[in-house]
């Protein structure tokens, strides 16, 4: 299979005057879909996965076929840029047929047409999403597929505006390349799994469904973390059912089978979203994160003066560490170069999704670590924020106290500048040290 792909890439890239032989020879460590960006990343990759005897939910050719199936289904947004840029940018829509008539009758006072919704978006901005959802669900039998898809695009117009503005992309061209695929909606458990990018045979598994909201860490055949309701702070995390615990090895086998398919780089550590339904795993989406790289040193020295050990860390640094400018609060959202690092949080999900692949460091303040961990169970953007940067860690209280955070915030709003602290970080994945060096509050 790889040899066939090599031959194909040599021929195809030669047509486009690229360095075809160099690309072809390194294909084993490349990703086919980076060289051939799919028009519909979710559906096209699902087709390939299914061809390799891995379960995928049923896909429908169009809206009419989905409705005639009498199955609940999802209208999933598709855009070429999703595969290696901002995923989760566009919302998908769940169509639950049993609730269609109920929503229409209960909210019949809502807007009567898409034009009316559009004209009232600014006036009723807080009702926009539900208005469009109710209108579509209540009128599915009378709306054309184009009308439904245009309505969903309208529902995402604010995200599209922000994304195109930040990246200087032509909005009309971007919107034109948005399409939709139609998938049967399977219930039970929505889940994600990702391999650690520095620790071989370590996996993080997130499960959400019914009363279950759980995080598991599986290391070299052993379950080392099964995070559930063990304290008040973790009250929205619950125990993983025993049958799912016993079945974790099957989930890892499912993940590794996808990861090692010929079109993917087997050294990469993708985030695989899947659905566990009737005790079978169904592939949903392949999200790119980081390639695997293990540390070539052991951090076993004593702490220096004013240096502190970090409780939670992911990934590694060079042996001498990294000096990084950490933006505590943004004044202006600028897309920066790869060697800029860095955000504690920006309050702009689209900006964070774009920057998650550019940041060297994602620093989580200690008072948000439980929130971030819990939200990763069901929110994609928090997983991107944690796994896409080269390095992620929780900042100790001694480096950034909650009261100090307010001082940084005040500085930003008084000076109209980003508030920045410089830190030095060194990590071998087992442990990490961090040291405060400087901030710009006195500038």
Protein backbone atom coordinates (compact mmCIF):
# COMPACT_ATOMS: atom_id res chain seq x y z
CA UNK A 1 0.00 0.00 0.00
CA UNK A 2 2.79 2.45 0.91
CA UNK A 3 4.61 1.67 -2.34
CA UNK A 4 1.41 2.41 -4.29
CA UNK A 5 1.09 5.72 -2.48
CA UNK A 6 4.72 6.58 -3.18
CA UNK A 7 4.19 5.97 -6.90
CA UNK A 8 0.99 8.02 -6.89
CA UNK A 9 2.59 10.97 -5.08
CA UNK A 10 5.60 10.95 -7.42
CA UNK A 11 3.25 11.24 -10.38
CA UNK A 12 0.80 13.70 -8.87
CA UNK A 13 3.31 16.12 -7.36
CA UNK A 14 5.34 16.11 -10.59
CA UNK A 15 2.30 17.58 -12.34
CA UNK A 16 2.39 20.49 -9.93
CA UNK A 17 6.15 21.04 -10.21
CA UNK A 18 6.81 20.18 -6.57
CA UNK A 19 9.90 18.41 -5.23
CA UNK A 20 8.16 15.13 -5.89
CA UNK A 21 10.93 12.63 -5.13
CA UNK A 22 11.79 14.25 -1.79
CA UNK A 23 8.15 14.23 -0.77
CA UNK A 24 7.65 10.67 -1.95
CA UNK A 25 10.72 9.28 -0.19
CA UNK A 26 9.61 10.73 3.15
CA UNK A 27 5.98 9.71 2.84
CA UNK A 28 6.34 7.05 5.53
CA UNK A 29 6.75 9.94 8.00
CA UNK A 30 4.28 12.22 6.28
CA UNK A 31 0.53 12.44 6.33
CA UNK A 32 -1.26 11.75 3.05
CA UNK A 33 -3.97 14.28 3.94
CA UNK A 34 -1.44 17.07 4.47
CA UNK A 35 -0.28 16.56 0.90
CA UNK A 36 -3.83 16.08 -0.39
CA UNK A 37 -6.11 18.25 1.69
CA UNK A 38 -9.56 16.58 1.75
CA UNK A 39 -12.58 18.61 0.68
CA UNK A 40 -14.57 17.07 3.54
CA UNK A 41 -12.08 16.05 6.26
CA UNK A 42 -14.62 14.21 8.42
CA UNK A 43 -16.41 12.29 5.66
CA UNK A 44 -13.42 11.64 3.36
CA UNK A 45 -11.24 10.25 6.14
CA UNK A 46 -14.18 8.23 7.49
CA UNK A 47 -14.52 6.60 4.07
CA UNK A 48 -10.85 5.62 4.17
CA UNK A 49 -11.14 4.33 7.75
CA UNK A 50 -14.16 2.23 6.81
CA UNK A 51 -12.32 0.74 3.83
CA UNK A 52 -9.84 -0.64 6.38
CA UNK A 53 -12.53 -2.62 8.23
CA UNK A 54 -13.02 -0.16 11.07
CA UNK A 55 -16.56 0.71 12.10
CA UNK A 56 -17.92 4.16 11.16
CA UNK A 57 -21.50 5.40 11.64
CA UNK A 58 -23.70 5.29 8.56
CA UNK A 59 -23.38 8.31 6.28
CA UNK A 60 -26.23 9.55 4.12
CA UNK A 61 -25.77 11.04 0.65
CA UNK A 62 -28.04 14.01 1.33
CA UNK A 63 -30.69 15.46 3.61
CA UNK A 64 -33.53 13.64 1.85
CA UNK A 65 -31.90 10.25 2.41
CA UNK A 66 -31.25 11.07 6.07
CA UNK A 67 -34.90 12.05 6.65
CA UNK A 68 -36.21 8.98 4.84
CA UNK A 69 -34.13 6.72 7.09
CA UNK A 70 -36.24 7.73 10.11
CA UNK A 71 -33.02 7.77 12.13
CA UNK A 72 -31.73 10.60 14.29
CA UNK A 73 -28.80 12.17 12.48
CA UNK A 74 -26.10 14.86 12.64
CA UNK A 75 -25.47 17.47 9.97
CA UNK A 76 -21.68 17.81 10.34
CA UNK A 77 -19.87 20.87 9.03
CA UNK A 78 -16.90 20.34 6.70
CA UNK A 79 -14.11 22.71 5.59
CA UNK A 80 -10.72 21.93 4.02
CA UNK A 81 -8.88 23.94 6.69
CA UNK A 82 -10.28 21.86 9.55
CA UNK A 83 -7.81 19.00 9.20
CA UNK A 84 -4.63 20.81 10.23
CA UNK A 85 -5.88 24.23 11.24
CA UNK A 86 -8.83 25.22 13.38
CA UNK A 87 -11.03 22.24 14.11
CA UNK A 88 -14.30 22.77 15.91
CA UNK A 89 -14.64 26.11 14.13
CA UNK A 90 -18.10 25.37 12.71
CA UNK A 91 -20.95 23.88 14.67
CA UNK A 92 -22.74 20.71 13.65
CA UNK A 93 -26.46 20.20 14.14
CA UNK A 94 -28.18 17.27 15.77
CA UNK A 95 -31.55 16.37 14.27
CA UNK A 96 -33.61 14.34 16.75
CA UNK A 97 -36.74 13.44 14.82
CA UNK A 98 -38.79 12.65 17.92
CA UNK A 99 -38.39 16.28 19.08
CA UNK A 100 -38.91 17.95 15.71
CA UNK A 101 -42.68 18.53 16.04
CA UNK A 102 -42.39 19.38 19.74
CA UNK A 103 -39.87 22.15 19.09
CA UNK A 104 -41.93 23.55 16.24
CA UNK A 105 -45.17 23.67 18.28
CA UNK A 106 -43.58 25.00 21.46
CA UNK A 107 -41.60 27.78 19.75
CA UNK A 108 -44.07 28.71 17.03
CA UNK A 109 -43.82 32.36 18.18
CA UNK A 110 -40.23 32.43 16.91
CA UNK A 111 -39.15 33.93 13.59
CA UNK A 112 -41.07 32.75 10.53
CA UNK A 113 -38.28 32.82 7.94
CA UNK A 114 -34.52 32.81 7.62
CA UNK A 115 -34.64 36.37 6.28
CA UNK A 116 -36.44 37.46 9.43
CA UNK A 117 -33.85 35.71 11.59
CA UNK A 118 -31.02 37.41 9.71
CA UNK A 119 -32.62 40.85 10.05
CA UNK A 120 -32.97 40.36 13.80
CA UNK A 121 -29.58 38.79 14.56
CA UNK A 122 -28.12 41.92 16.13
CA UNK A 123 -31.29 42.70 18.03
CA UNK A 124 -31.74 39.14 19.26
CA UNK A 125 -28.13 37.98 19.25
CA UNK A 126 -28.57 35.90 22.39
CA UNK A 127 -31.47 34.01 20.79
CA UNK A 128 -29.85 33.54 17.37
CA UNK A 129 -28.63 29.95 17.71
CA UNK A 130 -31.78 28.50 19.21
CA UNK A 131 -33.96 30.47 16.77
CA UNK A 132 -32.18 28.95 13.78
CA UNK A 133 -32.21 25.48 15.35
CA UNK A 134 -35.92 25.61 16.09
CA UNK A 135 -36.74 27.01 12.68
CA UNK A 136 -34.79 24.27 10.88
CA UNK A 137 -36.14 21.43 13.05
CA UNK A 138 -39.71 22.63 12.70
CA UNK A 139 -39.52 23.08 8.93
CA UNK A 140 -37.29 20.21 7.79
CA UNK A 141 -40.02 18.77 5.58
CA UNK A 142 -40.46 22.02 3.66
CA UNK A 143 -36.88 23.34 3.48
CA UNK A 144 -34.48 22.40 0.72
CA UNK A 145 -31.02 21.07 1.55
CA UNK A 146 -29.45 24.36 0.39
CA UNK A 147 -31.73 26.33 2.72
CA UNK A 148 -30.85 24.13 5.69
CA UNK A 149 -27.11 24.34 5.02
CA UNK A 150 -27.23 28.12 4.47
CA UNK A 151 -29.06 28.46 7.78
CA UNK A 152 -26.33 26.54 9.59
CA UNK A 153 -23.69 28.76 7.97
CA UNK A 154 -25.66 31.75 9.21
CA UNK A 155 -25.61 30.26 12.69
CA UNK A 156 -21.78 30.30 12.55
CA UNK A 157 -21.28 33.71 10.97
CA UNK A 158 -19.58 35.22 14.05
CA UNK A 159 -16.97 32.43 14.23
CA UNK A 160 -16.36 32.68 10.48
CA UNK A 161 -15.90 36.46 10.73
CA UNK A 162 -13.37 36.19 13.56
CA UNK A 163 -11.42 33.34 11.93
CA UNK A 164 -11.12 35.06 8.54
CA UNK A 165 -10.23 38.40 10.15
CA UNK A 166 -7.44 36.89 12.25
CA UNK A 167 -5.90 34.97 9.35
CA UNK A 168 -6.56 37.55 6.63
CA UNK A 169 -8.63 35.05 4.68
CA UNK A 170 -11.22 36.03 2.10
CA UNK A 171 -14.51 35.37 3.89
CA UNK A 172 -16.49 34.73 0.72
CA UNK A 173 -13.97 32.15 -0.49
CA UNK A 174 -13.84 30.47 2.92
CA UNK A 175 -17.64 30.27 3.17
CA UNK A 176 -17.92 28.91 -0.35
CA UNK A 177 -15.74 25.94 0.69
CA UNK A 178 -17.97 25.03 3.64
CA UNK A 179 -20.00 21.88 3.02
CA UNK A 180 -21.87 19.35 5.14
CA UNK A 181 -22.01 15.59 5.58
CA UNK A 182 -24.92 13.65 7.04
CA UNK A 183 -24.23 10.99 9.68
CA UNK A 184 -26.47 8.68 11.65
CA UNK A 185 -26.53 9.79 15.30
CA UNK A 186 -25.41 7.00 17.63
CA UNK A 187 -26.04 7.39 21.35
CA UNK A 188 -24.31 5.73 24.35
CA UNK A 189 -20.81 7.20 24.95
CA UNK A 190 -19.00 9.96 23.06
CA UNK A 191 -15.26 9.46 23.63
CA UNK A 192 -11.77 10.62 22.67
CA UNK A 193 -8.37 8.98 23.00
CA UNK A 194 -4.86 10.35 22.48
CA UNK A 195 -1.39 8.90 22.97
CA UNK A 196 1.07 10.88 25.07
CA UNK A 197 3.58 12.68 22.85
CA UNK A 198 6.56 11.90 25.13
CA UNK A 199 5.68 8.79 27.13
CA UNK A 200 5.42 5.64 25.04
CA UNK A 201 2.34 3.47 25.71
CA UNK A 202 0.58 6.15 27.76
CA UNK A 203 -2.96 7.11 26.66
CA UNK A 204 -5.57 9.63 27.80
CA UNK A 205 -9.21 8.55 27.35
CA UNK A 206 -12.18 10.92 27.77
CA UNK A 207 -15.72 9.56 28.11
CA UNK A 208 -19.00 11.46 28.11
CA UNK A 209 -22.46 9.93 27.99
CA UNK A 210 -25.50 9.68 30.24
CA UNK A 211 -24.33 10.19 33.81
CA UNK A 212 -20.73 9.29 32.94
CA UNK A 213 -18.11 12.04 32.60
CA UNK A 214 -14.69 10.52 33.08
CA UNK A 215 -10.95 10.85 32.42
CA UNK A 216 -8.72 7.76 32.34
CA UNK A 217 -4.96 7.56 31.94
CA UNK A 218 -3.67 4.16 30.86
CA UNK A 219 0.10 3.61 31.13
CA UNK A 220 1.89 0.55 29.75
CA UNK A 221 -1.01 -1.79 30.39
CA UNK A 222 -2.08 -0.34 33.75
CA UNK A 223 -4.87 2.07 34.62
CA UNK A 224 -3.06 4.77 36.63
CA UNK A 225 -5.84 7.40 36.75
CA UNK A 226 -9.60 6.87 36.78
CA UNK A 227 -10.78 10.33 37.66
CA UNK A 228 -14.27 10.43 39.11
CA UNK A 229 -16.37 12.11 41.80
CA UNK A 230 -13.96 12.02 44.72
CA UNK A 231 -14.19 15.62 45.92
CA UNK A 232 -16.44 18.63 45.72
CA UNK A 233 -14.23 20.23 43.05
CA UNK A 234 -14.62 17.14 40.86
CA UNK A 235 -18.38 16.80 41.34
CA UNK A 236 -19.07 16.88 37.59
CA UNK A 237 -16.71 13.95 36.93
CA UNK A 238 -18.06 10.43 37.46
CA UNK A 239 -16.82 6.85 37.72
CA UNK A 240 -16.25 4.97 34.46
CA UNK A 241 -18.51 1.87 34.29
CA UNK A 242 -16.60 -1.33 35.06
CA UNK A 243 -17.32 -2.85 31.65
CA UNK A 244 -15.68 0.14 29.96
CA UNK A 245 -12.65 -0.16 32.27
CA UNK A 246 -12.29 -3.85 31.41
CA UNK A 247 -12.51 -2.92 27.75
CA UNK A 248 -9.81 -0.23 27.67
CA UNK A 249 -7.30 -2.51 25.95
CA UNK A 250 -9.78 -2.84 23.07
CA UNK A 251 -10.01 0.96 22.82
CA UNK A 252 -6.21 1.24 22.62
CA UNK A 253 -6.10 -1.45 19.95
CA UNK A 254 -8.77 0.48 18.01
CA UNK A 255 -6.68 3.68 18.31
CA UNK A 256 -3.39 2.08 17.25
CA UNK A 257 -5.00 0.41 14.25
CA UNK A 258 -6.13 3.83 12.97
CA UNK A 259 -2.87 5.54 13.90
CA UNK A 260 -0.81 3.01 11.93
CA UNK A 261 -2.86 3.04 8.73
CA UNK A 262 -0.65 3.81 5.68
CA UNK A 263 -2.08 7.27 5.03
CA UNK A 264 -1.17 8.54 8.50
CA UNK A 265 2.17 9.25 10.12
CA UNK A 266 2.51 6.51 12.74
CA UNK A 267 4.87 8.71 14.79
CA UNK A 268 2.08 11.27 15.18
CA UNK A 269 -0.17 11.28 18.26
CA UNK A 270 -3.65 12.09 16.92
CA UNK A 271 -6.70 12.79 19.01
CA UNK A 272 -9.27 10.27 17.80
CA UNK A 273 -12.92 11.02 18.52
CA UNK A 274 -15.17 7.95 18.53
CA UNK A 275 -18.52 6.68 19.72
CA UNK A 276 -18.98 3.56 21.85
CA UNK A 277 -22.39 2.17 20.93
CA UNK A 278 -23.73 -1.26 21.82
CA UNK A 279 -20.18 -2.15 22.95
CA UNK A 280 -18.62 -1.40 19.57
CA UNK A 281 -16.33 1.57 18.78
CA UNK A 282 -17.24 3.78 15.81
CA UNK A 283 -14.73 6.25 14.37
CA UNK A 284 -15.88 9.89 14.22
CA UNK A 285 -12.88 12.15 13.57
CA UNK A 286 -9.07 12.31 13.33
CA UNK A 287 -7.58 15.47 14.90
CA UNK A 288 -3.87 16.23 14.41
CA UNK A 289 -1.84 17.29 17.47
CA UNK A 290 1.95 16.63 17.87
CA UNK A 291 4.52 14.04 16.81
CA UNK A 292 6.01 11.72 19.43
CA UNK A 293 9.40 12.70 20.88
CA UNK A 294 10.97 11.30 24.03
CA UNK A 295 13.41 13.15 26.29
CA UNK A 296 17.15 12.56 25.89
CA UNK A 297 17.97 13.61 29.46
CA UNK A 298 16.75 13.09 33.01
CA UNK A 299 15.90 16.08 35.19
CA UNK A 300 17.45 14.98 38.48
CA UNK A 301 19.21 18.09 39.74
CA UNK A 302 18.14 20.09 42.78
CA UNK A 303 15.94 23.16 42.43
CA UNK A 304 17.72 26.45 41.95
CA UNK A 305 16.87 29.50 44.05
CA UNK A 306 13.39 30.83 43.16
CA UNK A 307 12.74 27.76 40.99
CA UNK A 308 9.67 25.60 41.63
CA UNK A 309 8.51 22.14 40.59
CA UNK A 310 5.35 21.87 38.49
CA UNK A 311 2.66 19.39 39.53
CA UNK A 312 1.27 18.60 36.06
CA UNK A 313 3.29 18.69 32.84
CA UNK A 314 3.00 17.32 29.30
CA UNK A 315 5.89 17.03 26.86
CA UNK A 316 9.57 17.99 27.05
CA UNK A 317 12.01 20.86 26.60
CA UNK A 318 15.67 20.89 25.54
CA UNK A 319 18.11 19.92 28.28
CA UNK A 320 18.91 23.57 29.08
CA UNK A 321 15.23 24.51 29.19
CA UNK A 322 13.37 27.33 27.44
CA UNK A 323 12.92 31.00 28.30
CA UNK A 324 9.39 31.96 27.30
CA UNK A 325 7.35 35.15 27.31
CA UNK A 326 4.01 34.16 28.77
CA UNK A 327 1.08 36.39 27.85
CA UNK A 328 -1.12 36.53 30.93
CA UNK A 329 -3.74 38.83 29.39
CA UNK A 330 -4.12 39.89 25.77
CA UNK A 331 -4.99 43.40 24.71
CA UNK A 332 -5.03 42.61 20.99
CA UNK A 333 -5.37 39.23 19.28
CA UNK A 334 -2.47 38.96 16.82
CA UNK A 335 -1.47 35.75 15.09
CA UNK A 336 2.18 35.40 16.00
CA UNK A 337 5.08 33.34 14.76
CA UNK A 338 5.84 29.87 16.11
CA UNK A 339 8.54 31.04 18.50
CA UNK A 340 6.20 33.44 20.31
CA UNK A 341 4.57 31.07 22.80
CA UNK A 342 2.09 31.51 24.70
CA UNK A 343 -1.09 32.27 26.40
CA UNK A 344 -2.51 31.57 29.75
CA UNK A 345 -6.00 32.23 28.41
CA UNK A 346 -7.41 34.76 25.95
CA UNK A 347 -11.20 34.49 26.28
CA UNK A 348 -11.42 34.02 22.51
CA UNK A 349 -11.98 30.39 21.51
CA UNK A 350 -11.25 30.93 17.80
CA UNK A 351 -7.97 32.71 18.54
CA UNK A 352 -6.96 29.99 21.02
CA UNK A 353 -7.77 27.25 18.49
CA UNK A 354 -5.56 28.91 15.85
CA UNK A 355 -2.76 29.67 18.30
CA UNK A 356 -2.82 26.20 19.89
CA UNK A 357 -0.68 24.89 17.01
CA UNK A 358 1.72 27.85 17.17
CA UNK A 359 2.32 27.99 20.90
CA UNK A 360 5.37 26.49 22.50
CA UNK A 361 3.75 26.59 25.93
CA UNK A 362 0.19 26.37 27.20
CA UNK A 363 0.22 27.46 30.81
CA UNK A 364 -2.83 26.72 32.95
CA UNK A 365 -3.21 28.75 36.17
CA UNK A 366 -3.53 26.53 39.22
CA UNK A 367 -7.06 27.78 40.05
CA UNK A 368 -8.35 26.59 36.65
CA UNK A 369 -6.76 23.12 36.50
CA UNK A 370 -9.91 21.30 37.67
CA UNK A 371 -12.09 23.28 35.28
CA UNK A 372 -9.81 22.58 32.31
CA UNK A 373 -9.60 18.87 33.12
CA UNK A 374 -13.37 18.57 33.50
CA UNK A 375 -14.13 20.56 30.35
CA UNK A 376 -11.82 18.35 28.26
CA UNK A 377 -14.36 15.56 28.74
CA UNK A 378 -16.90 17.24 26.48
CA UNK A 379 -15.34 20.34 24.85
CA UNK A 380 -13.02 19.93 21.89
CA UNK A 381 -11.37 23.37 22.21
CA UNK A 382 -9.95 22.59 25.66
CA UNK A 383 -8.37 19.39 24.31
CA UNK A 384 -6.80 21.44 21.48
CA UNK A 385 -5.57 23.97 24.01
CA UNK A 386 -3.85 21.25 26.04
CA UNK A 387 -2.56 18.79 23.42
CA UNK A 388 -1.73 20.98 20.39
CA UNK A 389 1.04 23.15 21.92
CA UNK A 390 4.51 21.66 22.31
CA UNK A 391 4.37 21.90 26.10
CA UNK A 392 1.51 22.18 28.60
CA UNK A 393 1.75 22.66 32.35
CA UNK A 394 -0.06 23.99 35.39
CA UNK A 395 1.54 27.14 36.82
CA UNK A 396 2.17 26.84 40.58
CA UNK A 397 0.53 29.28 42.95
CA UNK A 398 3.89 30.79 43.89
CA UNK A 399 4.46 31.91 40.27
CA UNK A 400 1.03 33.33 39.51
CA UNK A 401 -1.23 33.91 42.48
CA UNK A 402 -4.90 34.68 41.81
CA UNK A 403 -4.44 38.16 43.29
CA UNK A 404 -1.48 38.80 40.97
CA UNK A 405 -3.59 37.80 37.97
CA UNK A 406 -5.86 40.77 38.73
CA UNK A 407 -2.83 43.07 38.69
CA UNK A 408 -1.85 41.78 35.23
CA UNK A 409 -5.43 42.29 34.05
CA UNK A 410 -5.45 45.86 35.38
CA UNK A 411 -2.17 46.62 33.63
CA UNK A 412 -3.55 45.41 30.28
CA UNK A 413 -6.67 47.54 30.51
CA UNK A 414 -4.84 50.66 31.68
CA UNK A 415 -1.97 50.54 29.16
CA UNK A 416 -3.70 48.84 26.21
CA UNK A 417 -0.79 46.38 26.08
CA UNK A 418 -0.46 42.65 26.62
CA UNK A 419 0.66 41.81 30.16
CA UNK A 420 3.65 39.50 29.97
CA UNK A 421 5.81 37.48 32.34
CA UNK A 422 9.01 35.74 31.29
CA UNK A 423 9.65 32.30 32.73
CA UNK A 424 12.22 29.57 32.28
CA UNK A 425 10.84 26.05 31.95
CA UNK A 426 12.72 22.75 31.85
CA UNK A 427 10.91 19.41 31.54
CA UNK A 428 11.78 15.77 30.91
CA UNK A 429 8.03 14.85 31.06
CA UNK A 430 8.48 13.10 34.42
CA UNK A 431 8.89 16.42 36.17
CA UNK A 432 9.25 20.10 35.25
CA UNK A 433 10.81 23.14 36.91
CA UNK A 434 9.67 26.70 36.33
CA UNK A 435 11.32 29.95 37.36
CA UNK A 436 9.96 33.49 37.16
CA UNK A 437 12.43 35.87 35.46
CA UNK A 438 10.68 39.13 34.57
CA UNK A 439 7.41 40.90 33.81
CA UNK A 440 6.47 44.09 31.96
CA UNK A 441 4.25 45.60 34.68
CA UNK A 442 6.85 48.29 35.44
CA UNK A 443 7.21 49.41 31.79
